[in-house]
Amino acid sequence: MAVTSNARVGTSSREIFLKSAKQLFEERGYRQTTMQQIADNAELHVQTLYRHFPNKSSLAKTIEMDRLHSAFAQREGSTLELWRNFVERLTVEMLGMPQGEEKLLSFVNYDSKDSSLSAAWLEISDAYREELARGIAQVLGLDRYRNHLPIFIASMLWLGNRDVVFQWAATGGHGDLLPKVLGVVDKVQEIVEILVQEPENFSR
């Protein structure tokens, strides 16, 4: 189904391509979607698509970076609260889609057969952890670049959530994934609360 006319009004061709790619990635999966299909779905020429995005991985990267910025744009809670809400929403949304398990795995993993996607995934992973680290540094009253603790905690969140998804997938997707994902965030929250109560543990 092509990007609707309502979604095109006052929208640049770049944004139309992003909407088209996001729609097809969700419907068909990343691997099964081609640049030509994205252009056709956008009802624009494929050469115009290549002028904006040199390859499919750059489209995927831009979509995920937009997702990241959107998740942290509303600073109406602590970083950990924002992250908890984000992973809850993302898990529910992805598992509700066709091929949901594959999409969730692709979000927390990289494709070793696609070097451009691997590089994009690593950049996205670093961006998520850096955003988390900055917020955690603010909560703890630390200088993000003079203390290693914020990035350490951010890595616990990112890699902990990633690991429970892998474990869940390894069992064939049996059991309820959401409590496990949220359990990681809650455990890290407990650690942060202890640190806040005992600032001498990290003030040096």
Protein backbone atom coordinates (compact mmCIF):
# COMPACT_ATOMS: atom_id res chain seq x y z
CA MET A 1 0.00 0.00 0.00
CA ALA A 2 1.54 3.27 -1.15
CA VAL A 3 2.18 6.17 1.19
CA THR A 4 -1.19 7.95 1.43
CA SER A 5 -1.82 11.36 -0.08
CA ASN A 6 -2.50 12.77 3.39
CA ALA A 7 1.00 11.77 4.44
CA ARG A 8 2.43 13.52 1.38
CA VAL A 9 0.92 16.98 1.83
CA GLY A 10 3.65 19.49 2.63
CA THR A 11 6.17 16.68 3.00
CA SER A 12 9.60 16.57 1.37
CA SER A 13 10.54 13.65 -0.85
CA ARG A 14 13.10 12.61 1.78
CA GLU A 15 10.39 12.29 4.45
CA ILE A 16 8.11 10.43 2.03
CA PHE A 17 10.89 7.90 1.40
CA LEU A 18 11.42 7.46 5.15
CA LYS A 19 7.70 6.83 5.69
CA SER A 20 7.65 4.40 2.79
CA ALA A 21 10.71 2.50 4.06
CA LYS A 22 9.38 2.33 7.62
CA GLN A 23 6.05 1.00 6.35
CA LEU A 24 7.68 -1.70 4.22
CA PHE A 25 10.23 -2.69 6.85
CA GLU A 26 7.35 -3.22 9.28
CA GLU A 27 5.20 -5.10 6.76
CA ARG A 28 7.82 -7.22 4.97
CA GLY A 29 10.97 -7.01 7.07
CA TYR A 30 14.29 -5.39 6.24
CA ARG A 31 15.74 -8.26 4.22
CA GLN A 32 12.67 -8.67 2.01
CA THR A 33 12.43 -4.97 1.10
CA THR A 34 14.32 -3.49 -1.85
CA MET A 35 15.17 0.11 -2.70
CA GLN A 36 12.98 -0.19 -5.79
CA GLN A 37 10.00 -1.27 -3.69
CA ILE A 38 10.55 1.66 -1.33
CA ALA A 39 10.57 4.07 -4.29
CA ASP A 40 7.49 2.44 -5.83
CA ASN A 41 5.63 2.59 -2.53
CA ALA A 42 6.54 6.27 -2.24
CA GLU A 43 5.40 6.78 -5.86
CA LEU A 44 8.70 8.50 -6.62
CA HIS A 45 11.64 7.59 -8.87
CA VAL A 46 14.26 5.24 -7.44
CA GLN A 47 17.06 7.57 -8.58
CA THR A 48 15.56 10.28 -6.39
CA LEU A 49 15.69 7.83 -3.50
CA TYR A 50 19.40 7.18 -4.12
CA ARG A 51 20.11 10.90 -4.09
CA HIS A 52 18.81 11.02 -0.51
CA PHE A 53 20.01 7.63 0.73
CA PRO A 54 22.95 5.75 -0.85
CA ASN A 55 21.73 2.36 0.37
CA LYS A 56 19.07 0.57 2.38
CA SER A 57 21.13 0.55 5.57
CA SER A 58 21.32 4.36 5.58
CA LEU A 59 17.52 4.40 5.50
CA ALA A 60 17.32 1.97 8.41
CA LYS A 61 19.85 4.03 10.37
CA THR A 62 17.91 7.26 9.82
CA ILE A 63 14.64 5.63 10.91
CA GLU A 64 16.21 4.31 14.12
CA MET A 65 17.94 7.59 14.91
CA ASP A 66 14.61 9.38 14.48
CA ARG A 67 13.07 6.82 16.83
CA LEU A 68 15.80 7.54 19.37
CA HIS A 69 15.39 11.31 19.23
CA SER A 70 11.62 10.99 19.48
CA ALA A 71 11.89 8.70 22.51
CA PHE A 72 14.00 11.20 24.43
CA ALA A 73 12.42 14.40 23.14
CA GLN A 74 9.82 14.52 25.92
CA ARG A 75 11.81 15.05 29.11
CA GLU A 76 8.83 14.55 31.41
CA GLY A 77 10.52 11.99 33.59
CA SER A 78 13.89 10.55 34.47
CA THR A 79 16.01 8.92 31.80
CA LEU A 80 15.27 5.50 33.26
CA GLU A 81 11.53 6.18 33.18
CA LEU A 82 11.78 7.31 29.56
CA TRP A 83 13.77 4.20 28.67
CA ARG A 84 11.35 1.90 30.46
CA ASN A 85 8.41 3.42 28.59
CA PHE A 86 10.33 3.22 25.33
CA VAL A 87 11.31 -0.45 25.57
CA GLU A 88 7.81 -1.39 26.73
CA ARG A 89 6.20 0.37 23.77
CA LEU A 90 8.77 -0.96 21.29
CA THR A 91 8.46 -4.56 22.49
CA VAL A 92 4.65 -4.52 22.37
CA GLU A 93 4.59 -2.84 18.94
CA MET A 94 7.16 -5.14 17.33
CA LEU A 95 5.72 -8.37 18.69
CA GLY A 96 2.32 -7.29 17.40
CA MET A 97 3.63 -7.04 13.84
CA PRO A 98 4.00 -9.82 11.26
CA GLN A 99 7.46 -11.40 11.71
CA GLY A 100 7.67 -9.52 15.00
CA GLU A 101 10.39 -11.72 16.51
CA GLU A 102 12.64 -11.13 13.48
CA LYS A 103 12.10 -7.38 13.67
CA LEU A 104 12.87 -7.26 17.38
CA LEU A 105 16.05 -9.26 16.87
CA SER A 106 17.13 -6.99 14.03
CA PHE A 107 16.71 -3.99 16.34
CA VAL A 108 19.18 -5.36 18.93
CA ASN A 109 21.57 -7.13 16.56
CA TYR A 110 23.56 -6.47 13.43
CA ASP A 111 23.80 -8.39 10.17
CA SER A 112 27.32 -9.74 9.72
CA LYS A 113 26.56 -10.42 6.04
CA ASP A 114 25.82 -6.74 5.34
CA SER A 115 28.84 -4.61 6.22
CA SER A 116 27.02 -1.31 5.68
CA LEU A 117 24.17 -2.40 7.97
CA SER A 118 26.66 -3.66 10.56
CA ALA A 119 28.34 -0.23 10.63
CA ALA A 120 24.96 1.51 10.85
CA TRP A 121 23.84 -0.77 13.70
CA LEU A 122 27.01 -0.08 15.68
CA GLU A 123 26.51 3.67 15.24
CA ILE A 124 22.88 3.38 16.37
CA SER A 125 23.91 1.26 19.37
CA ASP A 126 26.51 3.85 20.39
CA ALA A 127 23.96 6.65 19.97
CA TYR A 128 21.43 4.94 22.24
CA ARG A 129 24.03 4.32 24.93
CA GLU A 130 25.35 7.87 24.71
CA GLU A 131 21.86 9.33 25.07
CA LEU A 132 21.25 7.12 28.09
CA ALA A 133 24.64 8.01 29.60
CA ARG A 134 23.99 11.75 29.34
CA GLY A 135 20.65 11.42 31.09
CA ILE A 136 22.05 9.16 33.81
CA ALA A 137 24.95 11.55 34.40
CA GLN A 138 22.41 14.30 34.97
CA VAL A 139 20.46 12.15 37.47
CA LEU A 140 23.66 11.35 39.40
CA GLY A 141 25.06 14.86 39.16
CA LEU A 142 28.17 13.66 37.34
CA ASP A 143 30.20 14.99 34.44
CA ARG A 144 29.49 12.54 31.62
CA TYR A 145 33.02 12.87 30.22
CA ARG A 146 34.94 12.83 33.52
CA ASN A 147 33.27 9.81 35.11
CA HIS A 148 32.85 6.37 33.57
CA LEU A 149 29.82 5.41 35.67
CA PRO A 150 27.07 6.87 33.41
CA ILE A 151 28.22 4.94 30.32
CA PHE A 152 28.66 1.83 32.47
CA ILE A 153 25.03 2.05 33.63
CA ALA A 154 23.84 2.89 30.10
CA SER A 155 25.60 -0.21 28.80
CA MET A 156 23.90 -2.34 31.46
CA LEU A 157 20.53 -1.10 30.17
CA TRP A 158 21.25 -1.55 26.47
CA LEU A 159 23.16 -4.84 26.66
CA GLY A 160 20.91 -6.25 29.37
CA ASN A 161 17.79 -5.67 27.26
CA ARG A 162 19.60 -7.05 24.22
CA ASP A 163 20.61 -10.20 26.09
CA VAL A 164 17.10 -11.05 27.33
CA VAL A 165 15.78 -10.73 23.76
CA PHE A 166 18.46 -13.18 22.55
CA GLN A 167 17.70 -15.61 25.36
CA TRP A 168 13.99 -15.42 24.62
CA ALA A 169 14.57 -15.99 20.90
CA ALA A 170 16.88 -18.94 21.63
CA THR A 171 13.98 -20.69 23.38
CA GLY A 172 11.82 -20.26 20.30
CA GLY A 173 10.03 -17.19 21.62
CA HIS A 174 8.40 -19.10 24.48
CA GLY A 175 7.25 -17.16 27.50
CA ASP A 176 6.33 -13.54 27.99
CA LEU A 177 9.22 -11.33 26.88
CA LEU A 178 7.91 -8.02 28.22
CA PRO A 179 8.40 -8.72 31.98
CA LYS A 180 11.97 -9.82 31.26
CA VAL A 181 12.76 -6.67 29.29
CA LEU A 182 11.25 -4.43 31.94
CA GLY A 183 12.94 -6.45 34.68
CA VAL A 184 16.33 -5.35 33.35
CA VAL A 185 15.34 -1.70 33.59
CA ASP A 186 13.93 -2.16 37.09
CA LYS A 187 17.11 -3.88 38.28
CA VAL A 188 19.28 -1.07 36.92
CA GLN A 189 16.91 1.42 38.56
CA GLU A 190 17.58 -0.27 41.91
CA ILE A 191 21.33 0.09 41.36
CA VAL A 192 21.01 3.78 40.49
CA GLU A 193 18.89 4.43 43.58
CA ILE A 194 21.58 2.88 45.78
CA LEU A 195 24.22 5.05 44.13
CA VAL A 196 22.14 8.19 44.62
CA GLN A 197 21.78 7.36 48.32
CA GLU A 198 25.51 6.69 48.67
CA PRO A 199 27.24 9.28 46.47
CA GLU A 200 30.63 8.58 48.04
CA ASN A 201 30.67 5.37 45.99
CA PHE A 202 31.16 7.27 42.77
CA SER A 203 32.13 10.84 43.63
CA ARG A 204 35.86 10.31 43.12
